[in-house]
Amino acid sequence: MALDPKIYERIFQKDKDGLAVLDELSRLFYDRPSYVKGDSHETAFKEGQRAVVAFLITKCGLAQQADEADKEENA
């Protein structure tokens, strides 16, 4: 069962502590190269870390898109 993207938005975009957590996760695991020359296992591991943060960012973005669609519908 997938959670509503608005839950992710509330936690990671609207709460200052959640925003700080997402910022740190992004800095540590997303905004850095994942390729490790000569080590496909380490590259795959780092890509896995990056994928988790990308998932969180995507969920927050989906909530923002839903909010914008709701605003357009009610305009």
PDB file of N, CA and C in Angstrom:
ATOM      1  N   MET A   1       0.839  -1.180   0.000  1.00  0.00           N
ATOM      2  CA  MET A   1       0.000   0.000   0.000  1.00  0.00           C
ATOM      3  C   MET A   1       0.890   1.251   0.000  1.00  0.00           C
ATOM      4  N   ALA A   2       0.702   2.097  -0.963  1.00  0.00           N
ATOM      5  CA  ALA A   2       1.495   3.322  -1.080  1.00  0.00           C
ATOM      6  C   ALA A   2       0.878   4.426  -0.220  1.00  0.00           C
ATOM      7  N   LEU A   3       1.737   5.154   0.448  1.00  0.00           N
ATOM      8  CA  LEU A   3       1.279   6.286   1.254  1.00  0.00           C
ATOM      9  C   LEU A   3       0.984   7.491   0.369  1.00  0.00           C
ATOM     10  N   ASP A   4       0.090   8.322   0.819  1.00  0.00           N
ATOM     11  CA  ASP A   4      -0.243   9.567   0.128  1.00  0.00           C
ATOM     12  C   ASP A   4       1.005  10.453   0.075  1.00  0.00           C
ATOM     13  N   PRO A   5       1.364  10.967  -1.100  1.00  0.00           N
ATOM     14  CA  PRO A   5       2.534  11.837  -1.208  1.00  0.00           C
ATOM     15  C   PRO A   5       2.467  13.061  -0.290  1.00  0.00           C
ATOM     16  N   LYS A   6       1.260  13.472   0.098  1.00  0.00           N
ATOM     17  CA  LYS A   6       1.129  14.639   0.983  1.00  0.00           C
ATOM     18  C   LYS A   6       1.741  14.373   2.360  1.00  0.00           C
ATOM     19  N   ILE A   7       1.801  13.100   2.756  1.00  0.00           N
ATOM     20  CA  ILE A   7       2.461  12.753   4.019  1.00  0.00           C
ATOM     21  C   ILE A   7       3.956  13.060   3.912  1.00  0.00           C
ATOM     22  N   TYR A   8       4.553  12.672   2.796  1.00  0.00           N
ATOM     23  CA  TYR A   8       5.976  12.948   2.580  1.00  0.00           C
ATOM     24  C   TYR A   8       6.226  14.453   2.538  1.00  0.00           C
ATOM     25  N   GLU A   9       5.345  15.172   1.857  1.00  0.00           N
ATOM     26  CA  GLU A   9       5.493  16.625   1.761  1.00  0.00           C
ATOM     27  C   GLU A   9       5.407  17.259   3.145  1.00  0.00           C
ATOM     28  N   ARG A  10       4.423  16.831   3.939  1.00  0.00           N
ATOM     29  CA  ARG A  10       4.248  17.395   5.276  1.00  0.00           C
ATOM     30  C   ARG A  10       5.495  17.158   6.145  1.00  0.00           C
ATOM     31  N   ILE A  11       6.050  15.959   6.042  1.00  0.00           N
ATOM     32  CA  ILE A  11       7.205  15.613   6.879  1.00  0.00           C
ATOM     33  C   ILE A  11       8.497  16.253   6.371  1.00  0.00           C
ATOM     34  N   PHE A  12       8.733  16.167   5.059  1.00  0.00           N
ATOM     35  CA  PHE A  12      10.029  16.570   4.517  1.00  0.00           C
ATOM     36  C   PHE A  12      10.073  17.961   3.898  1.00  0.00           C
ATOM     37  N   GLN A  13       8.946  18.643   3.742  1.00  0.00           N
ATOM     38  CA  GLN A  13       8.948  19.972   3.144  1.00  0.00           C
ATOM     39  C   GLN A  13       8.360  21.031   4.063  1.00  0.00           C
ATOM     40  N   LYS A  14       7.391  20.657   4.880  1.00  0.00           N
ATOM     41  CA  LYS A  14       6.706  21.656   5.707  1.00  0.00           C
ATOM     42  C   LYS A  14       7.199  21.673   7.150  1.00  0.00           C
ATOM     43  N   ASP A  15       7.827  20.610   7.584  1.00  0.00           N
ATOM     44  CA  ASP A  15       8.378  20.547   8.936  1.00  0.00           C
ATOM     45  C   ASP A  15       9.864  20.901   8.874  1.00  0.00           C
ATOM     46  N   LYS A  16      10.289  21.869   9.709  1.00  0.00           N
ATOM     47  CA  LYS A  16      11.687  22.319   9.605  1.00  0.00           C
ATOM     48  C   LYS A  16      12.677  21.201   9.933  1.00  0.00           C
ATOM     49  N   ASP A  17      12.342  20.331  10.872  1.00  0.00           N
ATOM     50  CA  ASP A  17      13.241  19.222  11.187  1.00  0.00           C
ATOM     51  C   ASP A  17      13.287  18.211  10.036  1.00  0.00           C
ATOM     52  N   GLY A  18      12.140  17.924   9.454  1.00  0.00           N
ATOM     53  CA  GLY A  18      12.093  17.018   8.317  1.00  0.00           C
ATOM     54  C   GLY A  18      12.852  17.569   7.123  1.00  0.00           C
ATOM     55  N   LEU A  19      12.735  18.876   6.918  1.00  0.00           N
ATOM     56  CA  LEU A  19      13.465  19.527   5.829  1.00  0.00           C
ATOM     57  C   LEU A  19      14.975  19.413   6.055  1.00  0.00           C
ATOM     58  N   ALA A  20      15.393  19.563   7.308  1.00  0.00           N
ATOM     59  CA  ALA A  20      16.817  19.435   7.635  1.00  0.00           C
ATOM     60  C   ALA A  20      17.296  17.999   7.405  1.00  0.00           C
ATOM     61  N   VAL A  21      16.451  17.020   7.743  1.00  0.00           N
ATOM     62  CA  VAL A  21      16.805  15.615   7.537  1.00  0.00           C
ATOM     63  C   VAL A  21      16.946  15.324   6.043  1.00  0.00           C
ATOM     64  N   LEU A  22      15.972  15.777   5.239  1.00  0.00           N
ATOM     65  CA  LEU A  22      16.048  15.537   3.798  1.00  0.00           C
ATOM     66  C   LEU A  22      17.255  16.239   3.190  1.00  0.00           C
ATOM     67  N   ASP A  23      17.557  17.438   3.683  1.00  0.00           N
ATOM     68  CA  ASP A  23      18.730  18.164   3.194  1.00  0.00           C
ATOM     69  C   ASP A  23      20.011  17.376   3.496  1.00  0.00           C
ATOM     70  N   GLU A  24      20.111  16.850   4.707  1.00  0.00           N
ATOM     71  CA  GLU A  24      21.306  16.073   5.064  1.00  0.00           C
ATOM     72  C   GLU A  24      21.395  14.776   4.249  1.00  0.00           C
ATOM     73  N   LEU A  25      20.274  14.071   4.109  1.00  0.00           N
ATOM     74  CA  LEU A  25      20.267  12.849   3.305  1.00  0.00           C
ATOM     75  C   LEU A  25      20.675  13.146   1.865  1.00  0.00           C
ATOM     76  N   SER A  26      20.169  14.253   1.332  1.00  0.00           N
ATOM     77  CA  SER A  26      20.524  14.641  -0.038  1.00  0.00           C
ATOM     78  C   SER A  26      22.010  14.918  -0.163  1.00  0.00           C
ATOM     79  N   ARG A  27      22.543  15.645   0.798  1.00  0.00           N
ATOM     80  CA  ARG A  27      23.968  15.984   0.765  1.00  0.00           C
ATOM     81  C   ARG A  27      24.839  14.739   0.882  1.00  0.00           C
ATOM     82  N   LEU A  28      24.454  13.810   1.748  1.00  0.00           N
ATOM     83  CA  LEU A  28      25.273  12.624   1.999  1.00  0.00           C
ATOM     84  C   LEU A  28      25.141  11.549   0.918  1.00  0.00           C
ATOM     85  N   PHE A  29      23.931  11.392   0.368  1.00  0.00           N
ATOM     86  CA  PHE A  29      23.683  10.232  -0.481  1.00  0.00           C
ATOM     87  C   PHE A  29      23.160  10.533  -1.880  1.00  0.00           C
ATOM     88  N   TYR A  30      22.793  11.781  -2.180  1.00  0.00           N
ATOM     89  CA  TYR A  30      22.173  12.080  -3.467  1.00  0.00           C
ATOM     90  C   TYR A  30      23.012  13.026  -4.311  1.00  0.00           C
ATOM     91  N   ASP A  31      23.479  14.093  -3.708  1.00  0.00           N
ATOM     92  CA  ASP A  31      24.223  15.128  -4.438  1.00  0.00           C
ATOM     93  C   ASP A  31      25.720  14.827  -4.486  1.00  0.00           C
ATOM     94  N   ARG A  32      26.049  13.602  -4.839  1.00  0.00           N
ATOM     95  CA  ARG A  32      27.449  13.191  -4.939  1.00  0.00           C
ATOM     96  C   ARG A  32      27.553  12.081  -5.964  1.00  0.00           C
ATOM     97  N   PRO A  33      28.706  11.916  -6.531  1.00  0.00           N
ATOM     98  CA  PRO A  33      28.863  10.835  -7.517  1.00  0.00           C
ATOM     99  C   PRO A  33      28.682   9.466  -6.856  1.00  0.00           C
ATOM    100  N   SER A  34      28.073   8.553  -7.580  1.00  0.00           N
ATOM    101  CA  SER A  34      27.895   7.205  -7.047  1.00  0.00           C
ATOM    102  C   SER A  34      28.835   6.200  -7.711  1.00  0.00           C
ATOM    103  N   TYR A  35      29.435   6.598  -8.811  1.00  0.00           N
ATOM    104  CA  TYR A  35      30.334   5.701  -9.531  1.00  0.00           C
ATOM    105  C   TYR A  35      31.664   5.576  -8.801  1.00  0.00           C
ATOM    106  N   VAL A  36      32.098   4.332  -8.594  1.00  0.00           N
ATOM    107  CA  VAL A  36      33.402   4.044  -8.005  1.00  0.00           C
ATOM    108  C   VAL A  36      34.180   3.233  -9.034  1.00  0.00           C
ATOM    109  N   LYS A  37      35.213   3.836  -9.604  1.00  0.00           N
ATOM    110  CA  LYS A  37      35.993   3.184 -10.657  1.00  0.00           C
ATOM    111  C   LYS A  37      36.538   1.841 -10.169  1.00  0.00           C
ATOM    112  N   GLY A  38      36.266   0.816 -10.945  1.00  0.00           N
ATOM    113  CA  GLY A  38      36.805  -0.508 -10.650  1.00  0.00           C
ATOM    114  C   GLY A  38      36.059  -1.272  -9.569  1.00  0.00           C
ATOM    115  N   ASP A  39      34.965  -0.725  -9.043  1.00  0.00           N
ATOM    116  CA  ASP A  39      34.242  -1.410  -7.965  1.00  0.00           C
ATOM    117  C   ASP A  39      32.741  -1.338  -8.225  1.00  0.00           C
ATOM    118  N   SER A  40      32.257  -2.290  -8.992  1.00  0.00           N
ATOM    119  CA  SER A  40      30.830  -2.291  -9.347  1.00  0.00           C
ATOM    120  C   SER A  40      29.934  -2.516  -8.132  1.00  0.00           C
ATOM    121  N   HIS A  41      30.411  -3.235  -7.129  1.00  0.00           N
ATOM    122  CA  HIS A  41      29.609  -3.485  -5.931  1.00  0.00           C
ATOM    123  C   HIS A  41      29.408  -2.190  -5.131  1.00  0.00           C
ATOM    124  N   GLU A  42      30.462  -1.433  -4.963  1.00  0.00           N
ATOM    125  CA  GLU A  42      30.360  -0.160  -4.239  1.00  0.00           C
ATOM    126  C   GLU A  42      29.510   0.830  -5.026  1.00  0.00           C
ATOM    127  N   THR A  43      29.645   0.822  -6.352  1.00  0.00           N
ATOM    128  CA  THR A  43      28.812   1.684  -7.189  1.00  0.00           C
ATOM    129  C   THR A  43      27.339   1.320  -7.005  1.00  0.00           C
ATOM    130  N   ALA A  44      27.022   0.037  -7.032  1.00  0.00           N
ATOM    131  CA  ALA A  44      25.637  -0.408  -6.853  1.00  0.00           C
ATOM    132  C   ALA A  44      25.119  -0.029  -5.467  1.00  0.00           C
ATOM    133  N   PHE A  45      25.951  -0.167  -4.450  1.00  0.00           N
ATOM    134  CA  PHE A  45      25.560   0.203  -3.088  1.00  0.00           C
ATOM    135  C   PHE A  45      25.230   1.691  -3.008  1.00  0.00           C
ATOM    136  N   LYS A  46      26.096   2.519  -3.571  1.00  0.00           N
ATOM    137  CA  LYS A  46      25.871   3.968  -3.546  1.00  0.00           C
ATOM    138  C   LYS A  46      24.651   4.357  -4.371  1.00  0.00           C
ATOM    139  N   GLU A  47      24.410   3.651  -5.469  1.00  0.00           N
ATOM    140  CA  GLU A  47      23.210   3.912  -6.276  1.00  0.00           C
ATOM    141  C   GLU A  47      21.949   3.557  -5.497  1.00  0.00           C
ATOM    142  N   GLY A  48      22.024   2.513  -4.686  1.00  0.00           N
ATOM    143  CA  GLY A  48      20.892   2.143  -3.831  1.00  0.00           C
ATOM    144  C   GLY A  48      20.581   3.230  -2.815  1.00  0.00           C
ATOM    145  N   GLN A  49      21.618   3.788  -2.198  1.00  0.00           N
ATOM    146  CA  GLN A  49      21.424   4.890  -1.263  1.00  0.00           C
ATOM    147  C   GLN A  49      20.789   6.081  -1.974  1.00  0.00           C
ATOM    148  N   ARG A  50      21.313   6.373  -3.140  1.00  0.00           N
ATOM    149  CA  ARG A  50      20.820   7.505  -3.930  1.00  0.00           C
ATOM    150  C   ARG A  50      19.358   7.304  -4.321  1.00  0.00           C
ATOM    151  N   ALA A  51      18.980   6.064  -4.644  1.00  0.00           N
ATOM    152  CA  ALA A  51      17.611   5.760  -5.059  1.00  0.00           C
ATOM    153  C   ALA A  51      16.604   6.025  -3.942  1.00  0.00           C
ATOM    154  N   VAL A  52      16.992   5.764  -2.708  1.00  0.00           N
ATOM    155  CA  VAL A  52      16.086   6.020  -1.580  1.00  0.00           C
ATOM    156  C   VAL A  52      15.807   7.516  -1.459  1.00  0.00           C
ATOM    157  N   VAL A  53      16.834   8.335  -1.543  1.00  0.00           N
ATOM    158  CA  VAL A  53      16.650   9.787  -1.450  1.00  0.00           C
ATOM    159  C   VAL A  53      15.864  10.293  -2.657  1.00  0.00           C
ATOM    160  N   ALA A  54      16.127   9.747  -3.820  1.00  0.00           N
ATOM    161  CA  ALA A  54      15.374  10.134  -5.025  1.00  0.00           C
ATOM    162  C   ALA A  54      13.894   9.809  -4.849  1.00  0.00           C
ATOM    163  N   PHE A  55      13.591   8.699  -4.215  1.00  0.00           N
ATOM    164  CA  PHE A  55      12.205   8.319  -3.936  1.00  0.00           C
ATOM    165  C   PHE A  55      11.530   9.365  -3.051  1.00  0.00           C
ATOM    166  N   LEU A  56      12.206   9.790  -1.992  1.00  0.00           N
ATOM    167  CA  LEU A  56      11.644  10.802  -1.088  1.00  0.00           C
ATOM    168  C   LEU A  56      11.399  12.118  -1.820  1.00  0.00           C
ATOM    169  N   ILE A  57      12.362  12.524  -2.622  1.00  0.00           N
ATOM    170  CA  ILE A  57      12.239  13.774  -3.385  1.00  0.00           C
ATOM    171  C   ILE A  57      11.077  13.671  -4.371  1.00  0.00           C
ATOM    172  N   THR A  58      10.950  12.540  -5.025  1.00  0.00           N
ATOM    173  CA  THR A  58       9.857  12.334  -5.983  1.00  0.00           C
ATOM    174  C   THR A  58       8.509  12.406  -5.288  1.00  0.00           C
ATOM    175  N   LYS A  59       8.384  11.750  -4.141  1.00  0.00           N
ATOM    176  CA  LYS A  59       7.117  11.771  -3.400  1.00  0.00           C
ATOM    177  C   LYS A  59       6.735  13.198  -3.015  1.00  0.00           C
ATOM    178  N   CYS A  60       7.698  13.986  -2.565  1.00  0.00           N
ATOM    179  CA  CYS A  60       7.419  15.380  -2.204  1.00  0.00           C
ATOM    180  C   CYS A  60       6.971  16.159  -3.437  1.00  0.00           C
ATOM    181  N   GLY A  61       7.592  15.909  -4.564  1.00  0.00           N
ATOM    182  CA  GLY A  61       7.229  16.580  -5.811  1.00  0.00           C
ATOM    183  C   GLY A  61       5.840  16.187  -6.282  1.00  0.00           C
ATOM    184  N   LEU A  62       5.453  14.930  -6.080  1.00  0.00           N
ATOM    185  CA  LEU A  62       4.114  14.487  -6.467  1.00  0.00           C
ATOM    186  C   LEU A  62       3.050  15.210  -5.657  1.00  0.00           C
ATOM    187  N   ALA A  63       3.332  15.441  -4.385  1.00  0.00           N
ATOM    188  CA  ALA A  63       2.381  16.160  -3.539  1.00  0.00           C
ATOM    189  C   ALA A  63       2.230  17.597  -4.021  1.00  0.00           C
ATOM    190  N   GLN A  64       3.326  18.224  -4.389  1.00  0.00           N
ATOM    191  CA  GLN A  64       3.269  19.604  -4.886  1.00  0.00           C
ATOM    192  C   GLN A  64       2.484  19.663  -6.189  1.00  0.00           C
ATOM    193  N   GLN A  65       2.654  18.687  -7.061  1.00  0.00           N
ATOM    194  CA  GLN A  65       1.898  18.641  -8.317  1.00  0.00           C
ATOM    195  C   GLN A  65       0.404  18.478  -8.040  1.00  0.00           C
ATOM    196  N   ALA A  66       0.056  17.649  -7.061  1.00  0.00           N
ATOM    197  CA  ALA A  66      -1.351  17.446  -6.706  1.00  0.00           C
ATOM    198  C   ALA A  66      -1.948  18.737  -6.152  1.00  0.00           C
ATOM    199  N   ASP A  67      -1.174  19.459  -5.326  1.00  0.00           N
ATOM    200  CA  ASP A  67      -1.641  20.739  -4.786  1.00  0.00           C
ATOM    201  C   ASP A  67      -1.908  21.734  -5.903  1.00  0.00           C
ATOM    202  N   GLU A  68      -1.018  21.798  -6.873  1.00  0.00           N
ATOM    203  CA  GLU A  68      -1.184  22.721  -7.999  1.00  0.00           C
ATOM    204  C   GLU A  68      -2.404  22.341  -8.832  1.00  0.00           C
ATOM    205  N   ALA A  69      -2.631  21.053  -9.029  1.00  0.00           N
ATOM    206  CA  ALA A  69      -3.793  20.599  -9.796  1.00  0.00           C
ATOM    207  C   ALA A  69      -5.076  20.949  -9.054  1.00  0.00           C
ATOM    208  N   ASP A  70      -5.073  20.792  -7.728  1.00  0.00           N
ATOM    209  CA  ASP A  70      -6.248  21.152  -6.936  1.00  0.00           C
ATOM    210  C   ASP A  70      -6.544  22.633  -7.029  1.00  0.00           C
ATOM    211  N   LYS A  71      -5.514  23.458  -6.999  1.00  0.00           N
ATOM    212  CA  LYS A  71      -5.692  24.903  -7.109  1.00  0.00           C
ATOM    213  C   LYS A  71      -6.293  25.271  -8.464  1.00  0.00           C
ATOM    214  N   GLU A  72      -5.820  24.628  -9.530  1.00  0.00           N
ATOM    215  CA  GLU A  72      -6.339  24.908 -10.869  1.00  0.00           C
ATOM    216  C   GLU A  72      -7.797  24.477 -10.990  1.00  0.00           C
ATOM    217  N   GLU A  73      -8.143  23.343 -10.371  1.00  0.00           N
ATOM    218  CA  GLU A  73      -9.511  22.848 -10.407  1.00  0.00           C
ATOM    219  C   GLU A  73     -10.465  23.792  -9.690  1.00  0.00           C
ATOM    220  N   ASN A  74     -10.015  24.371  -8.586  1.00  0.00           N
ATOM    221  CA  ASN A  74     -10.866  25.228  -7.758  1.00  0.00           C
ATOM    222  C   ASN A  74     -10.837  26.684  -8.203  1.00  0.00           C
ATOM    223  N   ALA A  75     -10.071  27.002  -9.221  1.00  0.00           N
ATOM    224  CA  ALA A  75      -9.972  28.402  -9.687  1.00  0.00           C
ATOM    225  C   ALA A  75     -11.144  28.772 -10.569  1.00  0.00           C
TER     226      ALA A  75
END
